[in-house]
PDB file of all heavy atoms in Angstrom:
ATOM      1  N   LYS A   1      -0.675  17.758 -21.495  1.00  0.00           N
ATOM      2  CA  LYS A   1      -1.468  17.074 -22.526  1.00  0.00           C
ATOM      3  C   LYS A   1      -0.926  15.679 -22.783  1.00  0.00           C
ATOM      4  O   LYS A   1      -1.680  14.736 -23.045  1.00  0.00           O
ATOM      5  CB  LYS A   1      -1.474  17.888 -23.824  1.00  0.00           C
ATOM      6  CG  LYS A   1      -2.230  19.201 -23.749  1.00  0.00           C
ATOM      7  CD  LYS A   1      -3.724  18.975 -23.612  1.00  0.00           C
ATOM      8  CE  LYS A   1      -4.480  20.305 -23.634  1.00  0.00           C
ATOM      9  NZ  LYS A   1      -5.913  20.102 -23.312  1.00  0.00           N
ATOM     10  N   LEU A   2       0.393  15.522 -22.710  1.00  0.00           N
ATOM     11  CA  LEU A   2       1.013  14.209 -22.879  1.00  0.00           C
ATOM     12  C   LEU A   2       0.540  13.248 -21.788  1.00  0.00           C
ATOM     13  O   LEU A   2       0.204  12.089 -22.069  1.00  0.00           O
ATOM     14  CB  LEU A   2       2.541  14.344 -22.841  1.00  0.00           C
ATOM     15  CG  LEU A   2       3.346  13.039 -22.771  1.00  0.00           C
ATOM     16  CD1 LEU A   2       3.171  12.225 -24.042  1.00  0.00           C
ATOM     17  CD2 LEU A   2       4.821  13.323 -22.518  1.00  0.00           C
ATOM     18  N   ILE A   3       0.499  13.723 -20.562  1.00  0.00           N
ATOM     19  CA  ILE A   3       0.015  12.895 -19.453  1.00  0.00           C
ATOM     20  C   ILE A   3      -1.425  12.487 -19.705  1.00  0.00           C
ATOM     21  O   ILE A   3      -1.808  11.316 -19.581  1.00  0.00           O
ATOM     22  CB  ILE A   3       0.113  13.648 -18.116  1.00  0.00           C
ATOM     23  CG1 ILE A   3       1.538  14.112 -17.843  1.00  0.00           C
ATOM     24  CG2 ILE A   3      -0.393  12.786 -16.962  1.00  0.00           C
ATOM     25  CD1 ILE A   3       1.636  15.263 -16.863  1.00  0.00           C
ATOM     26  N   GLN A   4      -2.223  13.467 -20.061  1.00  0.00           N
ATOM     27  CA  GLN A   4      -3.648  13.231 -20.315  1.00  0.00           C
ATOM     28  C   GLN A   4      -3.860  12.192 -21.411  1.00  0.00           C
ATOM     29  O   GLN A   4      -4.694  11.290 -21.271  1.00  0.00           O
ATOM     30  CB  GLN A   4      -4.309  14.554 -20.706  1.00  0.00           C
ATOM     31  CG  GLN A   4      -5.813  14.499 -20.812  1.00  0.00           C
ATOM     32  CD  GLN A   4      -6.377  15.862 -21.184  1.00  0.00           C
ATOM     33  OE1 GLN A   4      -6.098  16.395 -22.263  1.00  0.00           O
ATOM     34  NE2 GLN A   4      -7.150  16.445 -20.298  1.00  0.00           N
ATOM     35  N   SER A   5      -3.087  12.295 -22.479  1.00  0.00           N
ATOM     36  CA  SER A   5      -3.246  11.330 -23.578  1.00  0.00           C
ATOM     37  C   SER A   5      -2.754   9.940 -23.176  1.00  0.00           C
ATOM     38  O   SER A   5      -3.253   8.931 -23.669  1.00  0.00           O
ATOM     39  CB  SER A   5      -2.513  11.812 -24.832  1.00  0.00           C
ATOM     40  OG  SER A   5      -1.117  11.819 -24.622  1.00  0.00           O
ATOM     41  N   THR A   6      -1.792   9.871 -22.254  1.00  0.00           N
ATOM     42  CA  THR A   6      -1.261   8.579 -21.809  1.00  0.00           C
ATOM     43  C   THR A   6      -2.254   7.832 -20.932  1.00  0.00           C
ATOM     44  O   THR A   6      -2.453   6.623 -21.096  1.00  0.00           O
ATOM     45  CB  THR A   6       0.059   8.776 -21.034  1.00  0.00           C
ATOM     46  OG1 THR A   6       1.010   9.437 -21.885  1.00  0.00           O
ATOM     47  CG2 THR A   6       0.641   7.441 -20.572  1.00  0.00           C
ATOM     48  N   VAL A   7      -2.883   8.529 -20.010  1.00  0.00           N
ATOM     49  CA  VAL A   7      -3.782   7.858 -19.053  1.00  0.00           C
ATOM     50  C   VAL A   7      -5.246   7.938 -19.465  1.00  0.00           C
ATOM     51  O   VAL A   7      -6.099   7.269 -18.871  1.00  0.00           O
ATOM     52  CB  VAL A   7      -3.616   8.426 -17.626  1.00  0.00           C
ATOM     53  CG1 VAL A   7      -2.175   8.287 -17.160  1.00  0.00           C
ATOM     54  CG2 VAL A   7      -4.093   9.867 -17.527  1.00  0.00           C
ATOM     55  N   GLY A   8      -5.566   8.750 -20.454  1.00  0.00           N
ATOM     56  CA  GLY A   8      -6.951   8.921 -20.882  1.00  0.00           C
ATOM     57  C   GLY A   8      -7.555  10.179 -20.284  1.00  0.00           C
ATOM     58  O   GLY A   8      -7.425  10.422 -19.079  1.00  0.00           O
ATOM     59  N   GLU A   9      -8.181  10.974 -21.126  1.00  0.00           N
ATOM     60  CA  GLU A   9      -8.721  12.260 -20.699  1.00  0.00           C
ATOM     61  C   GLU A   9      -9.679  12.122 -19.526  1.00  0.00           C
ATOM     62  O   GLU A   9      -9.683  12.927 -18.601  1.00  0.00           O
ATOM     63  CB  GLU A   9      -9.433  12.937 -21.876  1.00  0.00           C
ATOM     64  CG  GLU A   9      -9.935  14.326 -21.581  1.00  0.00           C
ATOM     65  CD  GLU A   9     -10.550  14.994 -22.799  1.00  0.00           C
ATOM     66  OE1 GLU A   9     -10.426  14.450 -23.912  1.00  0.00           O
ATOM     67  OE2 GLU A   9     -11.155  16.067 -22.621  1.00  0.00           O
ATOM     68  N   GLU A  10     -10.494  11.056 -19.547  1.00  0.00           N
ATOM     69  CA  GLU A  10     -11.500  10.859 -18.495  1.00  0.00           C
ATOM     70  C   GLU A  10     -10.877  10.467 -17.153  1.00  0.00           C
ATOM     71  O   GLU A  10     -11.534  10.538 -16.109  1.00  0.00           O
ATOM     72  CB  GLU A  10     -12.518   9.805 -18.931  1.00  0.00           C
ATOM     73  CG  GLU A  10     -11.986   8.380 -18.999  1.00  0.00           C
ATOM     74  CD  GLU A  10     -11.121   8.050 -20.223  1.00  0.00           C
ATOM     75  OE1 GLU A  10     -10.856   8.957 -21.047  1.00  0.00           O
ATOM     76  OE2 GLU A  10     -10.713   6.881 -20.339  1.00  0.00           O
ATOM     77  N   ASN A  11      -9.621  10.062 -17.175  1.00  0.00           N
ATOM     78  CA  ASN A  11      -8.943   9.602 -15.953  1.00  0.00           C
ATOM     79  C   ASN A  11      -8.003  10.648 -15.357  1.00  0.00           C
ATOM     80  O   ASN A  11      -7.453  10.443 -14.279  1.00  0.00           O
ATOM     81  CB  ASN A  11      -8.114   8.344 -16.258  1.00  0.00           C
ATOM     82  CG  ASN A  11      -8.971   7.217 -16.774  1.00  0.00           C
ATOM     83  OD1 ASN A  11     -10.061   6.974 -16.287  1.00  0.00           O
ATOM     84  ND2 ASN A  11      -8.482   6.527 -17.791  1.00  0.00           N
ATOM     85  N   TYR A  12      -7.795  11.751 -16.068  1.00  0.00           N
ATOM     86  CA  TYR A  12      -6.810  12.755 -15.676  1.00  0.00           C
ATOM     87  C   TYR A  12      -7.509  13.935 -15.005  1.00  0.00           C
ATOM     88  O   TYR A  12      -8.293  14.651 -15.630  1.00  0.00           O
ATOM     89  CB  TYR A  12      -6.050  13.228 -16.917  1.00  0.00           C
ATOM     90  CG  TYR A  12      -5.043  14.327 -16.659  1.00  0.00           C
ATOM     91  CD1 TYR A  12      -3.858  14.076 -15.974  1.00  0.00           C
ATOM     92  CD2 TYR A  12      -5.272  15.628 -17.123  1.00  0.00           C
ATOM     93  CE1 TYR A  12      -2.928  15.084 -15.752  1.00  0.00           C
ATOM     94  CE2 TYR A  12      -4.345  16.639 -16.911  1.00  0.00           C
ATOM     95  CZ  TYR A  12      -3.180  16.357 -16.233  1.00  0.00           C
ATOM     96  OH  TYR A  12      -2.263  17.361 -16.015  1.00  0.00           O
ATOM     97  N   LEU A  13      -7.212  14.121 -13.719  1.00  0.00           N
ATOM     98  CA  LEU A  13      -7.817  15.206 -12.943  1.00  0.00           C
ATOM     99  C   LEU A  13      -6.695  16.139 -12.484  1.00  0.00           C
ATOM    100  O   LEU A  13      -5.898  15.786 -11.623  1.00  0.00           O
ATOM    101  CB  LEU A  13      -8.580  14.650 -11.738  1.00  0.00           C
ATOM    102  CG  LEU A  13      -9.677  13.617 -12.056  1.00  0.00           C
ATOM    103  CD1 LEU A  13     -10.283  13.073 -10.772  1.00  0.00           C
ATOM    104  CD2 LEU A  13     -10.744  14.208 -12.952  1.00  0.00           C
ATOM    105  N   GLU A  14      -6.658  17.317 -13.073  1.00  0.00           N
ATOM    106  CA  GLU A  14      -5.569  18.250 -12.832  1.00  0.00           C
ATOM    107  C   GLU A  14      -5.940  19.243 -11.727  1.00  0.00           C
ATOM    108  O   GLU A  14      -6.979  19.885 -11.789  1.00  0.00           O
ATOM    109  CB  GLU A  14      -5.285  19.000 -14.133  1.00  0.00           C
ATOM    110  CG  GLU A  14      -4.061  19.857 -14.127  1.00  0.00           C
ATOM    111  CD  GLU A  14      -3.825  20.416 -15.516  1.00  0.00           C
ATOM    112  OE1 GLU A  14      -3.128  19.743 -16.312  1.00  0.00           O
ATOM    113  OE2 GLU A  14      -4.354  21.509 -15.817  1.00  0.00           O
ATOM    114  N   VAL A  15      -5.068  19.338 -10.731  1.00  0.00           N
ATOM    115  CA  VAL A  15      -5.261  20.304  -9.648  1.00  0.00           C
ATOM    116  C   VAL A  15      -4.170  21.359  -9.774  1.00  0.00           C
ATOM    117  O   VAL A  15      -2.983  21.071  -9.572  1.00  0.00           O
ATOM    118  CB  VAL A  15      -5.209  19.637  -8.261  1.00  0.00           C
ATOM    119  CG1 VAL A  15      -5.372  20.690  -7.160  1.00  0.00           C
ATOM    120  CG2 VAL A  15      -6.283  18.565  -8.141  1.00  0.00           C
ATOM    121  N   PHE A  16      -4.585  22.565 -10.117  1.00  0.00           N
ATOM    122  CA  PHE A  16      -3.641  23.672 -10.235  1.00  0.00           C
ATOM    123  C   PHE A  16      -3.491  24.334  -8.872  1.00  0.00           C
ATOM    124  O   PHE A  16      -4.437  24.898  -8.331  1.00  0.00           O
ATOM    125  CB  PHE A  16      -4.143  24.678 -11.272  1.00  0.00           C
ATOM    126  CG  PHE A  16      -3.349  25.951 -11.347  1.00  0.00           C
ATOM    127  CD1 PHE A  16      -1.968  25.954 -11.181  1.00  0.00           C
ATOM    128  CD2 PHE A  16      -3.981  27.156 -11.613  1.00  0.00           C
ATOM    129  CE1 PHE A  16      -1.231  27.132 -11.251  1.00  0.00           C
ATOM    130  CE2 PHE A  16      -3.263  28.344 -11.691  1.00  0.00           C
ATOM    131  CZ  PHE A  16      -1.888  28.327 -11.512  1.00  0.00           C
ATOM    132  N   VAL A  17      -2.288  24.227  -8.297  1.00  0.00           N
ATOM    133  CA  VAL A  17      -2.005  24.857  -7.010  1.00  0.00           C
ATOM    134  C   VAL A  17      -1.496  26.263  -7.327  1.00  0.00           C
ATOM    135  O   VAL A  17      -0.334  26.471  -7.660  1.00  0.00           O
ATOM    136  CB  VAL A  17      -0.996  24.044  -6.180  1.00  0.00           C
ATOM    137  CG1 VAL A  17      -0.824  24.682  -4.806  1.00  0.00           C
ATOM    138  CG2 VAL A  17      -1.459  22.593  -6.046  1.00  0.00           C
ATOM    139  N   ASP A  18      -2.430  27.206  -7.251  1.00  0.00           N
ATOM    140  CA  ASP A  18      -2.196  28.580  -7.682  1.00  0.00           C
ATOM    141  C   ASP A  18      -1.660  29.402  -6.512  1.00  0.00           C
ATOM    142  O   ASP A  18      -2.393  29.748  -5.590  1.00  0.00           O
ATOM    143  CB  ASP A  18      -3.515  29.165  -8.199  1.00  0.00           C
ATOM    144  CG  ASP A  18      -3.361  30.558  -8.767  1.00  0.00           C
ATOM    145  OD1 ASP A  18      -2.213  31.022  -8.891  1.00  0.00           O
ATOM    146  OD2 ASP A  18      -4.389  31.179  -9.082  1.00  0.00           O
ATOM    147  N   CYS A  19      -0.366  29.675  -6.563  1.00  0.00           N
ATOM    148  CA  CYS A  19       0.286  30.434  -5.496  1.00  0.00           C
ATOM    149  C   CYS A  19       1.228  31.435  -6.146  1.00  0.00           C
ATOM    150  O   CYS A  19       2.033  31.060  -6.996  1.00  0.00           O
ATOM    151  CB  CYS A  19       1.060  29.479  -4.584  1.00  0.00           C
ATOM    152  SG  CYS A  19       1.769  30.255  -3.122  1.00  0.00           S
ATOM    153  N   PRO A  20       1.135  32.718  -5.792  1.00  0.00           N
ATOM    154  CA  PRO A  20       1.980  33.728  -6.425  1.00  0.00           C
ATOM    155  C   PRO A  20       3.476  33.434  -6.253  1.00  0.00           C
ATOM    156  O   PRO A  20       3.904  32.896  -5.226  1.00  0.00           O
ATOM    157  CB  PRO A  20       1.598  35.024  -5.702  1.00  0.00           C
ATOM    158  CG  PRO A  20       0.245  34.765  -5.126  1.00  0.00           C
ATOM    159  CD  PRO A  20       0.225  33.311  -4.795  1.00  0.00           C
ATOM    160  N   LEU A  21       4.239  33.795  -7.261  1.00  0.00           N
ATOM    161  CA  LEU A  21       5.684  33.569  -7.242  1.00  0.00           C
ATOM    162  C   LEU A  21       6.325  34.163  -5.987  1.00  0.00           C
ATOM    163  O   LEU A  21       7.170  33.525  -5.352  1.00  0.00           O
ATOM    164  CB  LEU A  21       6.325  34.173  -8.497  1.00  0.00           C
ATOM    165  CG  LEU A  21       7.847  34.103  -8.578  1.00  0.00           C
ATOM    166  CD1 LEU A  21       8.337  32.664  -8.564  1.00  0.00           C
ATOM    167  CD2 LEU A  21       8.341  34.832  -9.827  1.00  0.00           C
ATOM    168  N   GLU A  22       5.901  35.381  -5.604  1.00  0.00           N
ATOM    169  CA  GLU A  22       6.531  36.025  -4.449  1.00  0.00           C
ATOM    170  C   GLU A  22       6.283  35.248  -3.155  1.00  0.00           C
ATOM    171  O   GLU A  22       7.141  35.217  -2.265  1.00  0.00           O
ATOM    172  CB  GLU A  22       6.068  37.480  -4.298  1.00  0.00           C
ATOM    173  CG  GLU A  22       4.581  37.694  -4.148  1.00  0.00           C
ATOM    174  CD  GLU A  22       3.846  37.884  -5.472  1.00  0.00           C
ATOM    175  OE1 GLU A  22       4.390  37.484  -6.527  1.00  0.00           O
ATOM    176  OE2 GLU A  22       2.730  38.433  -5.448  1.00  0.00           O
ATOM    177  N   VAL A  23       5.135  34.584  -3.051  1.00  0.00           N
ATOM    178  CA  VAL A  23       4.844  33.764  -1.872  1.00  0.00           C
ATOM    179  C   VAL A  23       5.721  32.508  -1.897  1.00  0.00           C
ATOM    180  O   VAL A  23       6.303  32.124  -0.886  1.00  0.00           O
ATOM    181  CB  VAL A  23       3.354  33.385  -1.807  1.00  0.00           C
ATOM    182  CG1 VAL A  23       3.081  32.424  -0.646  1.00  0.00           C
ATOM    183  CG2 VAL A  23       2.491  34.637  -1.664  1.00  0.00           C
ATOM    184  N   CYS A  24       5.823  31.886  -3.061  1.00  0.00           N
ATOM    185  CA  CYS A  24       6.673  30.699  -3.197  1.00  0.00           C
ATOM    186  C   CYS A  24       8.130  31.030  -2.868  1.00  0.00           C
ATOM    187  O   CYS A  24       8.814  30.248  -2.211  1.00  0.00           O
ATOM    188  CB  CYS A  24       6.573  30.141  -4.616  1.00  0.00           C
ATOM    189  SG  CYS A  24       4.952  29.499  -5.062  1.00  0.00           S
ATOM    190  N   GLU A  25       8.569  32.191  -3.316  1.00  0.00           N
ATOM    191  CA  GLU A  25       9.955  32.604  -3.020  1.00  0.00           C
ATOM    192  C   GLU A  25      10.160  32.865  -1.543  1.00  0.00           C
ATOM    193  O   GLU A  25      11.222  32.560  -0.990  1.00  0.00           O
ATOM    194  CB  GLU A  25      10.314  33.846  -3.827  1.00  0.00           C
ATOM    195  CG  GLU A  25      10.636  33.559  -5.269  1.00  0.00           C
ATOM    196  CD  GLU A  25      11.452  34.660  -5.909  1.00  0.00           C
ATOM    197  OE1 GLU A  25      12.665  34.745  -5.623  1.00  0.00           O
ATOM    198  OE2 GLU A  25      10.881  35.433  -6.701  1.00  0.00           O
ATOM    199  N   ARG A  26       9.167  33.438  -0.898  1.00  0.00           N
ATOM    200  CA  ARG A  26       9.289  33.688   0.554  1.00  0.00           C
ATOM    201  C   ARG A  26       9.377  32.364   1.302  1.00  0.00           C
ATOM    202  O   ARG A  26      10.120  32.249   2.273  1.00  0.00           O
ATOM    203  CB  ARG A  26       8.093  34.505   1.064  1.00  0.00           C
ATOM    204  CG  ARG A  26       8.231  35.995   0.869  1.00  0.00           C
ATOM    205  CD  ARG A  26       7.347  36.791   1.807  1.00  0.00           C
ATOM    206  NE  ARG A  26       5.951  36.382   1.782  1.00  0.00           N
ATOM    207  CZ  ARG A  26       5.038  36.896   0.946  1.00  0.00           C
ATOM    208  NH1 ARG A  26       5.376  37.817   0.064  1.00  0.00           N
ATOM    209  NH2 ARG A  26       3.786  36.484   1.002  1.00  0.00           N
ATOM    210  N   ARG A  27       8.621  31.394   0.874  1.00  0.00           N
ATOM    211  CA  ARG A  27       8.666  30.075   1.524  1.00  0.00           C
ATOM    212  C   ARG A  27      10.033  29.432   1.259  1.00  0.00           C
ATOM    213  O   ARG A  27      10.713  29.022   2.179  1.00  0.00           O
ATOM    214  CB  ARG A  27       7.554  29.170   0.978  1.00  0.00           C
ATOM    215  CG  ARG A  27       6.154  29.620   1.343  1.00  0.00           C
ATOM    216  CD  ARG A  27       5.130  28.766   0.631  1.00  0.00           C
ATOM    217  NE  ARG A  27       3.761  29.122   1.004  1.00  0.00           N
ATOM    218  CZ  ARG A  27       2.686  28.627   0.393  1.00  0.00           C
ATOM    219  NH1 ARG A  27       2.820  27.766  -0.593  1.00  0.00           N
ATOM    220  NH2 ARG A  27       1.477  28.996   0.787  1.00  0.00           N
ATOM    221  N   ASP A  28      10.380  29.300  -0.003  1.00  0.00           N
ATOM    222  CA  ASP A  28      11.659  28.749  -0.479  1.00  0.00           C
ATOM    223  C   ASP A  28      12.230  27.692   0.463  1.00  0.00           C
ATOM    224  O   ASP A  28      13.395  27.769   0.884  1.00  0.00           O
ATOM    225  CB  ASP A  28      12.675  29.872  -0.690  1.00  0.00           C
ATOM    226  CG  ASP A  28      13.779  29.473  -1.691  1.00  0.00           C
ATOM    227  OD1 ASP A  28      13.625  28.439  -2.368  1.00  0.00           O
ATOM    228  OD2 ASP A  28      14.787  30.184  -1.776  1.00  0.00           O
ATOM    229  N   VAL A  29      11.394  26.706   0.789  1.00  0.00           N
ATOM    230  CA  VAL A  29      11.779  25.695   1.784  1.00  0.00           C
ATOM    231  C   VAL A  29      13.021  24.901   1.380  1.00  0.00           C
ATOM    232  O   VAL A  29      13.735  24.377   2.239  1.00  0.00           O
ATOM    233  CB  VAL A  29      10.598  24.730   2.069  1.00  0.00           C
ATOM    234  CG1 VAL A  29       9.485  25.447   2.797  1.00  0.00           C
ATOM    235  CG2 VAL A  29      10.066  24.120   0.775  1.00  0.00           C
ATOM    236  N   LYS A  30      13.294  24.810   0.086  1.00  0.00           N
ATOM    237  CA  LYS A  30      14.452  24.041  -0.379  1.00  0.00           C
ATOM    238  C   LYS A  30      15.631  24.939  -0.765  1.00  0.00           C
ATOM    239  O   LYS A  30      16.679  24.436  -1.161  1.00  0.00           O
ATOM    240  CB  LYS A  30      14.050  23.169  -1.578  1.00  0.00           C
ATOM    241  CG  LYS A  30      12.923  22.190  -1.267  1.00  0.00           C
ATOM    242  CD  LYS A  30      12.451  21.488  -2.527  1.00  0.00           C
ATOM    243  CE  LYS A  30      11.235  20.614  -2.249  1.00  0.00           C
ATOM    244  NZ  LYS A  30      10.707  20.014  -3.490  1.00  0.00           N
ATOM    245  N   GLY A  31      15.444  26.249  -0.680  1.00  0.00           N
ATOM    246  CA  GLY A  31      16.507  27.174  -1.044  1.00  0.00           C
ATOM    247  C   GLY A  31      16.775  27.267  -2.539  1.00  0.00           C
ATOM    248  O   GLY A  31      17.814  27.772  -2.967  1.00  0.00           O
ATOM    249  N   LEU A  32      15.823  26.802  -3.344  1.00  0.00           N
ATOM    250  CA  LEU A  32      16.043  26.733  -4.783  1.00  0.00           C
ATOM    251  C   LEU A  32      15.893  28.083  -5.476  1.00  0.00           C
ATOM    252  O   LEU A  32      16.630  28.385  -6.425  1.00  0.00           O
ATOM    253  CB  LEU A  32      15.080  25.710  -5.406  1.00  0.00           C
ATOM    254  CG  LEU A  32      15.215  24.278  -4.881  1.00  0.00           C
ATOM    255  CD1 LEU A  32      14.169  23.378  -5.504  1.00  0.00           C
ATOM    256  CD2 LEU A  32      16.620  23.747  -5.146  1.00  0.00           C
ATOM    257  N   TYR A  33      14.948  28.881  -5.011  1.00  0.00           N
ATOM    258  CA  TYR A  33      14.757  30.199  -5.641  1.00  0.00           C
ATOM    259  C   TYR A  33      15.992  31.075  -5.454  1.00  0.00           C
ATOM    260  O   TYR A  33      16.412  31.774  -6.375  1.00  0.00           O
ATOM    261  CB  TYR A  33      13.514  30.892  -5.071  1.00  0.00           C
ATOM    262  CG  TYR A  33      12.224  30.352  -5.616  1.00  0.00           C
ATOM    263  CD1 TYR A  33      11.439  29.473  -4.876  1.00  0.00           C
ATOM    264  CD2 TYR A  33      11.778  30.714  -6.889  1.00  0.00           C
ATOM    265  CE1 TYR A  33      10.249  28.962  -5.383  1.00  0.00           C
ATOM    266  CE2 TYR A  33      10.590  30.212  -7.403  1.00  0.00           C
ATOM    267  CZ  TYR A  33       9.833  29.331  -6.652  1.00  0.00           C
ATOM    268  OH  TYR A  33       8.651  28.829  -7.159  1.00  0.00           O
ATOM    269  N   GLU A  34      16.552  31.025  -4.267  1.00  0.00           N
ATOM    270  CA  GLU A  34      17.759  31.814  -4.006  1.00  0.00           C
ATOM    271  C   GLU A  34      18.881  31.401  -4.951  1.00  0.00           C
ATOM    272  O   GLU A  34      19.573  32.250  -5.530  1.00  0.00           O
ATOM    273  CB  GLU A  34      18.192  31.635  -2.546  1.00  0.00           C
ATOM    274  CG  GLU A  34      19.392  32.483  -2.166  1.00  0.00           C
ATOM    275  CD  GLU A  34      19.817  32.300  -0.713  1.00  0.00           C
ATOM    276  OE1 GLU A  34      19.186  31.506   0.009  1.00  0.00           O
ATOM    277  OE2 GLU A  34      20.791  32.958  -0.318  1.00  0.00           O
ATOM    278  N   LYS A  35      19.041  30.090  -5.138  1.00  0.00           N
ATOM    279  CA  LYS A  35      20.078  29.594  -6.048  1.00  0.00           C
ATOM    280  C   LYS A  35      19.787  30.006  -7.486  1.00  0.00           C
ATOM    281  O   LYS A  35      20.698  30.391  -8.229  1.00  0.00           O
ATOM    282  CB  LYS A  35      20.181  28.073  -5.956  1.00  0.00           C
ATOM    283  CG  LYS A  35      20.796  27.571  -4.662  1.00  0.00           C
ATOM    284  CD  LYS A  35      20.881  26.055  -4.649  1.00  0.00           C
ATOM    285  CE  LYS A  35      21.500  25.551  -3.351  1.00  0.00           C
ATOM    286  NZ  LYS A  35      21.542  24.068  -3.304  1.00  0.00           N
ATOM    287  N   ALA A  36      18.506  29.935  -7.872  1.00  0.00           N
ATOM    288  CA  ALA A  36      18.132  30.322  -9.240  1.00  0.00           C
ATOM    289  C   ALA A  36      18.383  31.804  -9.481  1.00  0.00           C
ATOM    290  O   ALA A  36      18.868  32.203 -10.547  1.00  0.00           O
ATOM    291  CB  ALA A  36      16.667  29.980  -9.493  1.00  0.00           C
ATOM    292  N   ARG A  37      18.070  32.634  -8.491  1.00  0.00           N
ATOM    293  CA  ARG A  37      18.301  34.080  -8.608  1.00  0.00           C
ATOM    294  C   ARG A  37      19.800  34.399  -8.723  1.00  0.00           C
ATOM    295  O   ARG A  37      20.178  35.387  -9.353  1.00  0.00           O
ATOM    296  CB  ARG A  37      17.712  34.810  -7.394  1.00  0.00           C
ATOM    297  CG  ARG A  37      16.209  34.826  -7.317  1.00  0.00           C
ATOM    298  CD  ARG A  37      15.597  35.743  -8.327  1.00  0.00           C
ATOM    299  NE  ARG A  37      14.146  35.876  -8.150  1.00  0.00           N
ATOM    300  CZ  ARG A  37      13.343  36.423  -9.032  1.00  0.00           C
ATOM    301  NH1 ARG A  37      13.832  36.895 -10.170  1.00  0.00           N
ATOM    302  NH2 ARG A  37      12.048  36.506  -8.804  1.00  0.00           N
ATOM    303  N   LYS A  38      20.630  33.553  -8.132  1.00  0.00           N
ATOM    304  CA  LYS A  38      22.082  33.753  -8.196  1.00  0.00           C
ATOM    305  C   LYS A  38      22.696  33.129  -9.449  1.00  0.00           C
ATOM    306  O   LYS A  38      23.903  33.185  -9.642  1.00  0.00           O
ATOM    307  CB  LYS A  38      22.752  33.147  -6.957  1.00  0.00           C
ATOM    308  CG  LYS A  38      22.436  33.882  -5.665  1.00  0.00           C
ATOM    309  CD  LYS A  38      23.089  33.185  -4.474  1.00  0.00           C
ATOM    310  CE  LYS A  38      22.825  33.928  -3.172  1.00  0.00           C
ATOM    311  NZ  LYS A  38      23.382  33.211  -2.005  1.00  0.00           N
TER     312      LYS A  38
END
């Protein structure tokens, strides 16, 4: 909402990249989930 109010509601187009947590963890291209779990 802060972003939207800064740039104007009519200019803010939000794309929600909806991917299940388990899929993101399997990808874990940066190794961050493993570190977070530890």
